[in-house]
Amino acid sequence: MMTQLNLSILCQPDDNKSCGACCGLYNYADSSRLSLEKRLRLRTTLYHKIVKSPQYVETYAQAILANEDSAKRCELIYCCEYLGFLDKEEKRVGCLLHPQQNGGVDLRACSFYGEELCAGHTCPSHQFLTPLQTESLVIIIDDWYLYGLCLTDIDLVKSYFKLLSDRLGEELQPKIFDNSLLRQIALDFFQWKVLWPFRSEETNRLGKYYFDGSLYKISHIDYEMFGLKKSPLDAIFLSFCSAFNSAEEIALAENMVMSNMEHFILTYKCFF
């Protein structure tokens, strides 16, 4: 099922997906899949049409910056205009200036961050997610849009795998996700990152964060307003960008997550 993995650089782990979050991919006010697909597709087409040699990189950049919708969630996070699709199948996003995209010529010095920073940067997920967690996530998700959103949501990944491991009494090994049933159950959970029915649609929200110009704060769910104590699934709810209107909605949300975990555990015990 899986091509050879490269887990040292999580943004490009295999041929089936990648992550462009550090290039500001999800920082646009409209970061829906459809919007980003159109944006990346146009960039990729224009880049290969315009940039026949290094001297035309600036021409491309001016065309993109002049015509794209540049509205952002957070003004301090730069959205790189050189992020595009790396393959014809549009499975992987990445740097159009990278030498692998330009016959071995590295053009990243033209970018906002420059060649050295782009080449040497690794996101916090490399540090705070364990190798078992990252390898599991790479096996579970084969979709650039969802992969990037989940990979960079450290709380979501750690919370889900920890809750499952605690209930099973053992740490989950990536190889178990070669089982198509277990992989699908986990994928159903992570797909709530975009399909969660209680998800706030405010453009200034991204996971547990909300933004106000150059400032950002961590969101808060007011359980006391509904006569409830803080949910044990609070970190997951925040990662899903939740906005609840009643105690009944919170109860339903808890049941959805716990049912997913129970389904996973029962299936796991049938095979291991």
C-alpha atoms as a PDB file:
ATOM      1  CA  MET A   1       0.000   0.000   0.000  1.00  0.00           C
ATOM      2  CA  MET A   2       2.714   2.439   0.975  1.00  0.00           C
ATOM      3  CA  THR A   3       5.720   3.766  -0.876  1.00  0.00           C
ATOM      4  CA  GLN A   4       9.001   4.068   1.001  1.00  0.00           C
ATOM      5  CA  LEU A   5       8.619   6.501   3.887  1.00  0.00           C
ATOM      6  CA  ASN A   6      10.879   9.429   4.692  1.00  0.00           C
ATOM      7  CA  LEU A   7      10.006  10.314   8.277  1.00  0.00           C
ATOM      8  CA  SER A   8      13.008  12.574   8.851  1.00  0.00           C
ATOM      9  CA  ILE A   9      11.235  15.311   6.875  1.00  0.00           C
ATOM     10  CA  LEU A  10       7.540  15.050   7.650  1.00  0.00           C
ATOM     11  CA  CYS A  11       6.470  17.611   5.062  1.00  0.00           C
ATOM     12  CA  GLN A  12       7.426  15.191   2.257  1.00  0.00           C
ATOM     13  CA  PRO A  13       7.020  11.690   3.750  1.00  0.00           C
ATOM     14  CA  ASP A  14       6.131   9.784   0.574  1.00  0.00           C
ATOM     15  CA  ASP A  15       4.716  10.106  -2.941  1.00  0.00           C
ATOM     16  CA  ASN A  16       1.070  10.244  -1.836  1.00  0.00           C
ATOM     17  CA  LYS A  17       0.904  13.484   0.159  1.00  0.00           C
ATOM     18  CA  SER A  18       2.870  16.353   1.676  1.00  0.00           C
ATOM     19  CA  CYS A  19       2.440  19.386   3.912  1.00  0.00           C
ATOM     20  CA  GLY A  20       2.835  23.072   3.071  1.00  0.00           C
ATOM     21  CA  ALA A  21       1.693  24.545   6.375  1.00  0.00           C
ATOM     22  CA  CYS A  22       5.006  26.249   7.151  1.00  0.00           C
ATOM     23  CA  CYS A  23       4.666  28.135   3.840  1.00  0.00           C
ATOM     24  CA  GLY A  24       1.391  29.657   5.056  1.00  0.00           C
ATOM     25  CA  LEU A  25      -0.898  27.263   3.180  1.00  0.00           C
ATOM     26  CA  TYR A  26      -3.665  27.344   5.800  1.00  0.00           C
ATOM     27  CA  ASN A  27      -3.235  31.000   6.723  1.00  0.00           C
ATOM     28  CA  TYR A  28      -5.487  32.342   3.977  1.00  0.00           C
ATOM     29  CA  ALA A  29      -8.858  33.588   5.160  1.00  0.00           C
ATOM     30  CA  ASP A  30     -10.395  31.121   2.721  1.00  0.00           C
ATOM     31  CA  SER A  31      -8.403  27.959   3.332  1.00  0.00           C
ATOM     32  CA  SER A  32     -11.044  25.547   2.122  1.00  0.00           C
ATOM     33  CA  ARG A  33      -9.873  22.631   0.021  1.00  0.00           C
ATOM     34  CA  LEU A  34     -11.518  23.988  -3.132  1.00  0.00           C
ATOM     35  CA  SER A  35      -9.989  27.430  -2.703  1.00  0.00           C
ATOM     36  CA  LEU A  36      -6.491  26.101  -2.073  1.00  0.00           C
ATOM     37  CA  GLU A  37      -6.708  23.637  -4.946  1.00  0.00           C
ATOM     38  CA  LYS A  38      -7.554  26.466  -7.345  1.00  0.00           C
ATOM     39  CA  ARG A  39      -4.801  28.674  -5.911  1.00  0.00           C
ATOM     40  CA  LEU A  40      -2.102  25.994  -6.115  1.00  0.00           C
ATOM     41  CA  ARG A  41      -3.199  24.798  -9.560  1.00  0.00           C
ATOM     42  CA  LEU A  42      -3.022  28.301 -11.025  1.00  0.00           C
ATOM     43  CA  ARG A  43       0.382  28.936  -9.461  1.00  0.00           C
ATOM     44  CA  THR A  44       1.798  25.692 -10.784  1.00  0.00           C
ATOM     45  CA  THR A  45       0.513  26.361 -14.283  1.00  0.00           C
ATOM     46  CA  LEU A  46       1.821  29.932 -14.335  1.00  0.00           C
ATOM     47  CA  TYR A  47       5.178  28.982 -12.868  1.00  0.00           C
ATOM     48  CA  HIS A  48       5.924  26.399 -15.553  1.00  0.00           C
ATOM     49  CA  LYS A  49       4.633  28.763 -18.226  1.00  0.00           C
ATOM     50  CA  ILE A  50       6.592  31.831 -17.124  1.00  0.00           C
ATOM     51  CA  VAL A  51       9.768  30.630 -15.395  1.00  0.00           C
ATOM     52  CA  LYS A  52      11.857  29.280 -18.254  1.00  0.00           C
ATOM     53  CA  SER A  53      15.018  30.597 -16.569  1.00  0.00           C
ATOM     54  CA  PRO A  54      15.874  32.159 -13.172  1.00  0.00           C
ATOM     55  CA  GLN A  55      15.486  35.694 -14.498  1.00  0.00           C
ATOM     56  CA  TYR A  56      11.728  35.192 -14.841  1.00  0.00           C
ATOM     57  CA  VAL A  57      11.066  34.227 -11.215  1.00  0.00           C
ATOM     58  CA  GLU A  58      10.275  37.820 -10.270  1.00  0.00           C
ATOM     59  CA  THR A  59       7.874  38.140 -13.208  1.00  0.00           C
ATOM     60  CA  TYR A  60       5.979  35.128 -11.906  1.00  0.00           C
ATOM     61  CA  ALA A  61       5.930  36.468  -8.329  1.00  0.00           C
ATOM     62  CA  GLN A  62       4.562  39.850  -9.420  1.00  0.00           C
ATOM     63  CA  ALA A  63       1.791  38.149 -11.404  1.00  0.00           C
ATOM     64  CA  ILE A  64       0.751  36.022  -8.425  1.00  0.00           C
ATOM     65  CA  LEU A  65       0.878  38.801  -5.834  1.00  0.00           C
ATOM     66  CA  ALA A  66      -1.052  41.170  -8.083  1.00  0.00           C
ATOM     67  CA  ASN A  67      -3.902  38.787  -8.831  1.00  0.00           C
ATOM     68  CA  GLU A  68      -4.362  36.497  -5.818  1.00  0.00           C
ATOM     69  CA  ASP A  69      -6.690  37.129  -2.900  1.00  0.00           C
ATOM     70  CA  SER A  70      -4.175  37.807  -0.118  1.00  0.00           C
ATOM     71  CA  ALA A  71      -6.606  38.032   2.838  1.00  0.00           C
ATOM     72  CA  LYS A  72      -5.023  36.212   5.796  1.00  0.00           C
ATOM     73  CA  ARG A  73      -6.004  34.858   9.179  1.00  0.00           C
ATOM     74  CA  CYS A  74      -2.809  36.149  10.822  1.00  0.00           C
ATOM     75  CA  GLU A  75      -0.861  39.020   9.302  1.00  0.00           C
ATOM     76  CA  LEU A  76       2.418  37.901  10.886  1.00  0.00           C
ATOM     77  CA  ILE A  77       2.437  34.545   9.094  1.00  0.00           C
ATOM     78  CA  TYR A  78       3.829  34.884   5.574  1.00  0.00           C
ATOM     79  CA  CYS A  79       2.038  33.067   2.757  1.00  0.00           C
ATOM     80  CA  CYS A  80       4.666  32.070   0.220  1.00  0.00           C
ATOM     81  CA  GLU A  81       3.725  32.631  -3.405  1.00  0.00           C
ATOM     82  CA  TYR A  82       6.048  29.846  -4.542  1.00  0.00           C
ATOM     83  CA  LEU A  83       4.018  27.040  -2.985  1.00  0.00           C
ATOM     84  CA  GLY A  84       2.384  24.873  -5.640  1.00  0.00           C
ATOM     85  CA  PHE A  85       1.741  21.301  -6.756  1.00  0.00           C
ATOM     86  CA  LEU A  86       4.827  19.159  -7.312  1.00  0.00           C
ATOM     87  CA  ASP A  87       3.200  16.443  -9.415  1.00  0.00           C
ATOM     88  CA  LYS A  88       0.685  16.194 -12.254  1.00  0.00           C
ATOM     89  CA  GLU A  89      -1.665  14.148 -10.064  1.00  0.00           C
ATOM     90  CA  GLU A  90      -1.791  17.028  -7.538  1.00  0.00           C
ATOM     91  CA  LYS A  91      -1.050  14.736  -4.619  1.00  0.00           C
ATOM     92  CA  ARG A  92       1.867  16.746  -3.227  1.00  0.00           C
ATOM     93  CA  VAL A  93       2.299  20.425  -2.433  1.00  0.00           C
ATOM     94  CA  GLY A  94       5.709  22.006  -2.056  1.00  0.00           C
ATOM     95  CA  CYS A  95       8.225  24.577  -3.174  1.00  0.00           C
ATOM     96  CA  LEU A  96       8.256  25.396  -6.876  1.00  0.00           C
ATOM     97  CA  LEU A  97      11.725  26.913  -6.409  1.00  0.00           C
ATOM     98  CA  HIS A  98      13.227  23.673  -5.077  1.00  0.00           C
ATOM     99  CA  PRO A  99      16.068  22.230  -7.190  1.00  0.00           C
ATOM    100  CA  GLN A 100      14.066  19.045  -7.809  1.00  0.00           C
ATOM    101  CA  GLN A 101      11.532  21.210  -9.645  1.00  0.00           C
ATOM    102  CA  ASN A 102      14.103  23.154 -11.660  1.00  0.00           C
ATOM    103  CA  GLY A 103      16.536  20.683 -13.150  1.00  0.00           C
ATOM    104  CA  GLY A 104      18.836  20.793 -10.135  1.00  0.00           C
ATOM    105  CA  VAL A 105      18.956  24.606  -9.882  1.00  0.00           C
ATOM    106  CA  ASP A 106      18.039  25.948  -6.437  1.00  0.00           C
ATOM    107  CA  LEU A 107      16.026  29.153  -6.750  1.00  0.00           C
ATOM    108  CA  ARG A 108      14.922  29.432  -3.116  1.00  0.00           C
ATOM    109  CA  ALA A 109      17.101  32.480  -2.543  1.00  0.00           C
ATOM    110  CA  CYS A 110      14.338  34.409  -4.331  1.00  0.00           C
ATOM    111  CA  SER A 111      11.797  33.538  -1.667  1.00  0.00           C
ATOM    112  CA  PHE A 112      10.806  35.598   1.380  1.00  0.00           C
ATOM    113  CA  TYR A 113      12.625  33.287   3.824  1.00  0.00           C
ATOM    114  CA  GLY A 114      15.585  32.499   1.598  1.00  0.00           C
ATOM    115  CA  GLU A 115      17.369  29.289   0.708  1.00  0.00           C
ATOM    116  CA  GLU A 116      19.030  28.616   4.066  1.00  0.00           C
ATOM    117  CA  LEU A 117      15.921  28.918   6.209  1.00  0.00           C
ATOM    118  CA  CYS A 118      13.713  27.027   3.757  1.00  0.00           C
ATOM    119  CA  ALA A 119      16.193  24.177   3.498  1.00  0.00           C
ATOM    120  CA  GLY A 120      16.851  23.905   7.232  1.00  0.00           C
ATOM    121  CA  HIS A 121      13.443  24.507   8.792  1.00  0.00           C
ATOM    122  CA  THR A 122      11.478  21.755  10.523  1.00  0.00           C
ATOM    123  CA  CYS A 123       8.117  22.379  12.170  1.00  0.00           C
ATOM    124  CA  PRO A 124       7.409  21.687  15.890  1.00  0.00           C
ATOM    125  CA  SER A 125       5.726  18.386  14.998  1.00  0.00           C
ATOM    126  CA  HIS A 126       9.181  16.918  14.349  1.00  0.00           C
ATOM    127  CA  GLN A 127      10.015  17.594  17.987  1.00  0.00           C
ATOM    128  CA  PHE A 128       6.761  17.035  19.855  1.00  0.00           C
ATOM    129  CA  LEU A 129       5.241  14.066  18.041  1.00  0.00           C
ATOM    130  CA  THR A 130       6.879  10.703  18.661  1.00  0.00           C
ATOM    131  CA  PRO A 131       8.221   8.581  15.774  1.00  0.00           C
ATOM    132  CA  LEU A 132       5.419   6.079  16.407  1.00  0.00           C
ATOM    133  CA  GLN A 133       2.791   8.815  16.180  1.00  0.00           C
ATOM    134  CA  THR A 134       4.170  10.372  13.012  1.00  0.00           C
ATOM    135  CA  GLU A 135       4.634   7.056  11.229  1.00  0.00           C
ATOM    136  CA  SER A 136       1.084   6.067  12.163  1.00  0.00           C
ATOM    137  CA  LEU A 137      -0.284   9.365  10.834  1.00  0.00           C
ATOM    138  CA  VAL A 138       1.624   8.970   7.571  1.00  0.00           C
ATOM    139  CA  ILE A 139       0.104   5.518   7.061  1.00  0.00           C
ATOM    140  CA  ILE A 140      -3.429   6.622   7.976  1.00  0.00           C
ATOM    141  CA  ILE A 141      -3.717   9.759   5.818  1.00  0.00           C
ATOM    142  CA  ASP A 142      -3.020   9.877   2.070  1.00  0.00           C
ATOM    143  CA  ASP A 143      -4.337  13.354   1.272  1.00  0.00           C
ATOM    144  CA  TRP A 144      -2.254  16.538   1.219  1.00  0.00           C
ATOM    145  CA  TYR A 145      -5.025  18.791   2.541  1.00  0.00           C
ATOM    146  CA  LEU A 146      -6.005  16.665   5.526  1.00  0.00           C
ATOM    147  CA  TYR A 147      -2.443  15.511   6.226  1.00  0.00           C
ATOM    148  CA  GLY A 148      -1.138  19.043   6.640  1.00  0.00           C
ATOM    149  CA  LEU A 149      -3.981  20.079   8.908  1.00  0.00           C
ATOM    150  CA  CYS A 150      -3.516  17.054  11.180  1.00  0.00           C
ATOM    151  CA  LEU A 151       0.279  16.839  11.158  1.00  0.00           C
ATOM    152  CA  THR A 152       0.565  20.394  12.469  1.00  0.00           C
ATOM    153  CA  ASP A 153      -2.157  19.898  15.103  1.00  0.00           C
ATOM    154  CA  ILE A 154       0.038  18.346  17.775  1.00  0.00           C
ATOM    155  CA  ASP A 155      -2.700  18.313  20.423  1.00  0.00           C
ATOM    156  CA  LEU A 156      -5.073  16.404  18.155  1.00  0.00           C
ATOM    157  CA  VAL A 157      -2.604  13.691  17.184  1.00  0.00           C
ATOM    158  CA  LYS A 158      -1.206  13.174  20.672  1.00  0.00           C
ATOM    159  CA  SER A 159      -4.641  13.197  22.325  1.00  0.00           C
ATOM    160  CA  TYR A 160      -6.149  10.599  20.007  1.00  0.00           C
ATOM    161  CA  PHE A 161      -3.268   8.147  20.142  1.00  0.00           C
ATOM    162  CA  LYS A 162      -2.842   8.585  23.911  1.00  0.00           C
ATOM    163  CA  LEU A 163      -6.506   7.967  24.645  1.00  0.00           C
ATOM    164  CA  LEU A 164      -6.435   4.810  22.542  1.00  0.00           C
ATOM    165  CA  SER A 165      -3.166   3.614  24.079  1.00  0.00           C
ATOM    166  CA  ASP A 166      -4.417   4.252  27.614  1.00  0.00           C
ATOM    167  CA  ARG A 167      -7.559   2.231  26.983  1.00  0.00           C
ATOM    168  CA  LEU A 168      -5.639  -0.615  25.382  1.00  0.00           C
ATOM    169  CA  GLY A 169      -2.856  -0.581  27.966  1.00  0.00           C
ATOM    170  CA  GLU A 170      -0.136  -0.460  25.318  1.00  0.00           C
ATOM    171  CA  GLU A 171       1.330   2.018  22.862  1.00  0.00           C
ATOM    172  CA  LEU A 172      -0.008   1.733  19.350  1.00  0.00           C
ATOM    173  CA  GLN A 173       2.482   0.476  16.777  1.00  0.00           C
ATOM    174  CA  PRO A 174       2.327   1.906  13.239  1.00  0.00           C
ATOM    175  CA  LYS A 175       2.186  -1.556  11.670  1.00  0.00           C
ATOM    176  CA  ILE A 176      -1.355  -2.095  12.994  1.00  0.00           C
ATOM    177  CA  PHE A 177      -2.577   0.545  10.534  1.00  0.00           C
ATOM    178  CA  ASP A 178      -1.682  -1.773   7.679  1.00  0.00           C
ATOM    179  CA  ASN A 179      -5.011  -3.285   8.694  1.00  0.00           C
ATOM    180  CA  SER A 180      -7.532  -1.537   6.442  1.00  0.00           C
ATOM    181  CA  LEU A 181     -10.319  -1.595   9.047  1.00  0.00           C
ATOM    182  CA  LEU A 182      -8.228   0.046  11.776  1.00  0.00           C
ATOM    183  CA  ARG A 183      -6.815   2.526   9.307  1.00  0.00           C
ATOM    184  CA  GLN A 184     -10.310   3.549   8.192  1.00  0.00           C
ATOM    185  CA  ILE A 185     -11.571   4.001  11.763  1.00  0.00           C
ATOM    186  CA  ALA A 186      -8.616   6.266  12.562  1.00  0.00           C
ATOM    187  CA  LEU A 187      -9.094   8.117   9.275  1.00  0.00           C
ATOM    188  CA  ASP A 188     -12.757   8.671  10.138  1.00  0.00           C
ATOM    189  CA  PHE A 189     -11.600  10.395  13.310  1.00  0.00           C
ATOM    190  CA  PHE A 190      -9.012  12.620  11.643  1.00  0.00           C
ATOM    191  CA  GLN A 191     -11.449  13.583   8.881  1.00  0.00           C
ATOM    192  CA  TRP A 192     -13.451  15.377  11.548  1.00  0.00           C
ATOM    193  CA  LYS A 193     -10.727  17.995  11.325  1.00  0.00           C
ATOM    194  CA  VAL A 194     -12.671  19.286   8.298  1.00  0.00           C
ATOM    195  CA  LEU A 195     -16.037  17.495   8.578  1.00  0.00           C
ATOM    196  CA  TRP A 196     -16.808  18.036  12.281  1.00  0.00           C
ATOM    197  CA  PRO A 197     -20.533  18.947  12.552  1.00  0.00           C
ATOM    198  CA  PHE A 198     -19.901  21.385  15.432  1.00  0.00           C
ATOM    199  CA  ARG A 199     -17.080  23.183  13.644  1.00  0.00           C
ATOM    200  CA  SER A 200     -17.033  26.980  13.762  1.00  0.00           C
ATOM    201  CA  GLU A 201     -16.969  28.528  10.297  1.00  0.00           C
ATOM    202  CA  GLU A 202     -15.386  31.784  11.463  1.00  0.00           C
ATOM    203  CA  THR A 203     -12.529  32.661   9.138  1.00  0.00           C
ATOM    204  CA  ASN A 204     -10.303  33.755  12.024  1.00  0.00           C
ATOM    205  CA  ARG A 205     -10.384  30.297  13.631  1.00  0.00           C
ATOM    206  CA  LEU A 206      -7.896  27.513  12.963  1.00  0.00           C
ATOM    207  CA  GLY A 207      -8.020  24.609  15.374  1.00  0.00           C
ATOM    208  CA  LYS A 208      -7.661  25.866  18.920  1.00  0.00           C
ATOM    209  CA  TYR A 209      -6.409  29.277  17.791  1.00  0.00           C
ATOM    210  CA  TYR A 210      -8.278  32.391  16.804  1.00  0.00           C
ATOM    211  CA  PHE A 211      -6.635  35.421  15.279  1.00  0.00           C
ATOM    212  CA  ASP A 212      -7.068  39.171  15.427  1.00  0.00           C
ATOM    213  CA  GLY A 213      -4.746  40.797  12.937  1.00  0.00           C
ATOM    214  CA  SER A 214      -1.237  40.090  14.204  1.00  0.00           C
ATOM    215  CA  LEU A 215      -2.454  38.646  17.520  1.00  0.00           C
ATOM    216  CA  TYR A 216      -3.602  35.137  18.315  1.00  0.00           C
ATOM    217  CA  LYS A 217      -5.201  33.524  21.354  1.00  0.00           C
ATOM    218  CA  ILE A 218      -6.275  30.046  22.362  1.00  0.00           C
ATOM    219  CA  SER A 219      -9.993  29.420  22.102  1.00  0.00           C
ATOM    220  CA  HIS A 220     -12.084  28.455  25.112  1.00  0.00           C
ATOM    221  CA  ILE A 221     -15.236  26.364  25.415  1.00  0.00           C
ATOM    222  CA  ASP A 222     -17.505  27.672  28.179  1.00  0.00           C
ATOM    223  CA  TYR A 223     -18.786  24.422  29.672  1.00  0.00           C
ATOM    224  CA  GLU A 224     -20.055  26.187  32.799  1.00  0.00           C
ATOM    225  CA  MET A 225     -22.524  28.108  30.663  1.00  0.00           C
ATOM    226  CA  PHE A 226     -24.244  24.789  30.019  1.00  0.00           C
ATOM    227  CA  GLY A 227     -23.904  23.572  33.616  1.00  0.00           C
ATOM    228  CA  LEU A 228     -21.099  21.163  32.747  1.00  0.00           C
ATOM    229  CA  LYS A 229     -17.560  20.466  33.874  1.00  0.00           C
ATOM    230  CA  LYS A 230     -14.722  20.654  31.389  1.00  0.00           C
ATOM    231  CA  SER A 231     -14.897  17.713  29.007  1.00  0.00           C
ATOM    232  CA  PRO A 232     -12.052  15.162  29.074  1.00  0.00           C
ATOM    233  CA  LEU A 233     -12.121  15.566  25.288  1.00  0.00           C
ATOM    234  CA  ASP A 234     -11.642  19.343  25.449  1.00  0.00           C
ATOM    235  CA  ALA A 235      -8.290  19.311  23.606  1.00  0.00           C
ATOM    236  CA  ILE A 236      -9.858  17.342  20.753  1.00  0.00           C
ATOM    237  CA  PHE A 237     -12.896  19.610  20.623  1.00  0.00           C
ATOM    238  CA  LEU A 238     -10.664  22.677  20.386  1.00  0.00           C
ATOM    239  CA  SER A 239      -8.600  21.063  17.637  1.00  0.00           C
ATOM    240  CA  PHE A 240     -11.830  20.481  15.727  1.00  0.00           C
ATOM    241  CA  CYS A 241     -12.598  24.211  16.056  1.00  0.00           C
ATOM    242  CA  SER A 242     -15.765  23.437  18.009  1.00  0.00           C
ATOM    243  CA  ALA A 243     -18.524  25.914  18.794  1.00  0.00           C
ATOM    244  CA  PHE A 244     -21.296  24.329  20.884  1.00  0.00           C
ATOM    245  CA  ASN A 245     -24.778  25.747  21.413  1.00  0.00           C
ATOM    246  CA  SER A 246     -26.044  23.413  24.131  1.00  0.00           C
ATOM    247  CA  ALA A 247     -25.182  20.702  26.632  1.00  0.00           C
ATOM    248  CA  GLU A 248     -26.898  18.254  24.294  1.00  0.00           C
ATOM    249  CA  GLU A 249     -24.482  19.106  21.497  1.00  0.00           C
ATOM    250  CA  ILE A 250     -21.512  18.529  23.804  1.00  0.00           C
ATOM    251  CA  ALA A 251     -22.932  15.166  24.883  1.00  0.00           C
ATOM    252  CA  LEU A 252     -23.423  14.179  21.249  1.00  0.00           C
ATOM    253  CA  ALA A 253     -19.882  15.263  20.397  1.00  0.00           C
ATOM    254  CA  GLU A 254     -18.451  13.223  23.265  1.00  0.00           C
ATOM    255  CA  ASN A 255     -20.460  10.210  22.145  1.00  0.00           C
ATOM    256  CA  MET A 256     -19.182  10.538  18.578  1.00  0.00           C
ATOM    257  CA  VAL A 257     -15.530  10.553  19.644  1.00  0.00           C
ATOM    258  CA  MET A 258     -15.909   7.817  22.242  1.00  0.00           C
ATOM    259  CA  SER A 259     -17.845   5.636  19.807  1.00  0.00           C
ATOM    260  CA  ASN A 260     -15.019   5.962  17.311  1.00  0.00           C
ATOM    261  CA  MET A 261     -12.543   4.872  19.971  1.00  0.00           C
ATOM    262  CA  GLU A 262     -14.709   1.957  21.123  1.00  0.00           C
ATOM    263  CA  HIS A 263     -15.043   0.815  17.535  1.00  0.00           C
ATOM    264  CA  PHE A 264     -11.262   1.012  17.153  1.00  0.00           C
ATOM    265  CA  ILE A 265     -10.612  -0.942  20.357  1.00  0.00           C
ATOM    266  CA  LEU A 266     -13.089  -3.720  19.550  1.00  0.00           C
ATOM    267  CA  THR A 267     -11.638  -4.063  16.049  1.00  0.00           C
ATOM    268  CA  TYR A 268      -8.094  -4.033  17.394  1.00  0.00           C
ATOM    269  CA  LYS A 269      -8.856  -6.849  19.810  1.00  0.00           C
ATOM    270  CA  CYS A 270     -10.208  -8.969  16.958  1.00  0.00           C
ATOM    271  CA  PHE A 271      -6.842  -8.893  15.191  1.00  0.00           C
ATOM    272  CA  PHE A 272      -4.182  -8.453  17.893  1.00  0.00           C
END
